[in-house]
């Protein structure tokens, strides 16, 4: 877990999720990256 820009969780060597407060809106943003689209959608859905 890395907390420099929010909370970033490393799922595995090819996937991560970042949760952070927006700088321009009163919302929380969830970003994810993976080498598999379905896995990425699942990460965001379960966050």
C-alpha atoms as a PDB file:
ATOM      1  CA  UNK A   1       0.000   0.000   0.000  1.00  0.00           C
ATOM      2  CA  UNK A   2       1.328   3.413  -1.034  1.00  0.00           C
ATOM      3  CA  UNK A   3      -0.271   6.566   0.472  1.00  0.00           C
ATOM      4  CA  UNK A   4       1.538   9.444  -1.278  1.00  0.00           C
ATOM      5  CA  UNK A   5      -1.356  10.569  -3.564  1.00  0.00           C
ATOM      6  CA  UNK A   6      -4.201   8.659  -1.918  1.00  0.00           C
ATOM      7  CA  UNK A   7      -4.345   4.969  -1.161  1.00  0.00           C
ATOM      8  CA  UNK A   8      -2.768   2.759  -3.812  1.00  0.00           C
ATOM      9  CA  UNK A   9      -3.025  -0.982  -3.478  1.00  0.00           C
ATOM     10  CA  UNK A  10      -0.916  -3.318  -5.557  1.00  0.00           C
ATOM     11  CA  UNK A  11      -3.108  -6.296  -6.460  1.00  0.00           C
ATOM     12  CA  UNK A  12      -0.405  -8.277  -8.276  1.00  0.00           C
ATOM     13  CA  UNK A  13       2.498  -7.554 -10.637  1.00  0.00           C
ATOM     14  CA  UNK A  14       0.091  -6.391 -13.385  1.00  0.00           C
ATOM     15  CA  UNK A  15      -2.751  -4.741 -11.420  1.00  0.00           C
ATOM     16  CA  UNK A  16      -3.287  -1.861  -8.996  1.00  0.00           C
ATOM     17  CA  UNK A  17      -6.054   0.373  -7.615  1.00  0.00           C
ATOM     18  CA  UNK A  18      -5.815   4.019  -6.463  1.00  0.00           C
ATOM     19  CA  UNK A  19      -8.421   5.706  -4.243  1.00  0.00           C
ATOM     20  CA  UNK A  20      -8.062   9.462  -3.784  1.00  0.00           C
ATOM     21  CA  UNK A  21      -9.995  12.656  -3.143  1.00  0.00           C
ATOM     22  CA  UNK A  22     -10.621  14.732  -6.253  1.00  0.00           C
ATOM     23  CA  UNK A  23      -8.806  18.083  -6.361  1.00  0.00           C
ATOM     24  CA  UNK A  24     -11.609  19.730  -8.376  1.00  0.00           C
ATOM     25  CA  UNK A  25     -14.831  18.103  -7.132  1.00  0.00           C
ATOM     26  CA  UNK A  26     -16.228  16.945  -3.811  1.00  0.00           C
ATOM     27  CA  UNK A  27     -15.916  13.246  -4.728  1.00  0.00           C
ATOM     28  CA  UNK A  28     -13.658  10.250  -4.243  1.00  0.00           C
ATOM     29  CA  UNK A  29     -12.008   8.864  -7.378  1.00  0.00           C
ATOM     30  CA  UNK A  30     -11.203   5.200  -7.933  1.00  0.00           C
ATOM     31  CA  UNK A  31      -8.676   4.339 -10.651  1.00  0.00           C
ATOM     32  CA  UNK A  32      -7.470   0.883 -11.551  1.00  0.00           C
ATOM     33  CA  UNK A  33      -5.101  -0.669 -14.047  1.00  0.00           C
ATOM     34  CA  UNK A  34      -4.646  -4.262 -15.138  1.00  0.00           C
ATOM     35  CA  UNK A  35      -3.541  -6.174 -18.207  1.00  0.00           C
ATOM     36  CA  UNK A  36      -7.037  -7.772 -18.251  1.00  0.00           C
ATOM     37  CA  UNK A  37     -10.175  -5.647 -18.796  1.00  0.00           C
ATOM     38  CA  UNK A  38     -12.481  -7.966 -16.838  1.00  0.00           C
ATOM     39  CA  UNK A  39     -10.052  -8.061 -13.915  1.00  0.00           C
ATOM     40  CA  UNK A  40      -9.848  -4.253 -13.933  1.00  0.00           C
ATOM     41  CA  UNK A  41     -13.652  -3.926 -13.866  1.00  0.00           C
ATOM     42  CA  UNK A  42     -13.824  -6.422 -10.986  1.00  0.00           C
ATOM     43  CA  UNK A  43     -11.202  -4.460  -9.009  1.00  0.00           C
ATOM     44  CA  UNK A  44     -13.169  -1.204  -9.390  1.00  0.00           C
ATOM     45  CA  UNK A  45     -16.508  -2.876  -8.599  1.00  0.00           C
ATOM     46  CA  UNK A  46     -15.151  -4.449  -5.411  1.00  0.00           C
ATOM     47  CA  UNK A  47     -13.426  -1.277  -4.182  1.00  0.00           C
END
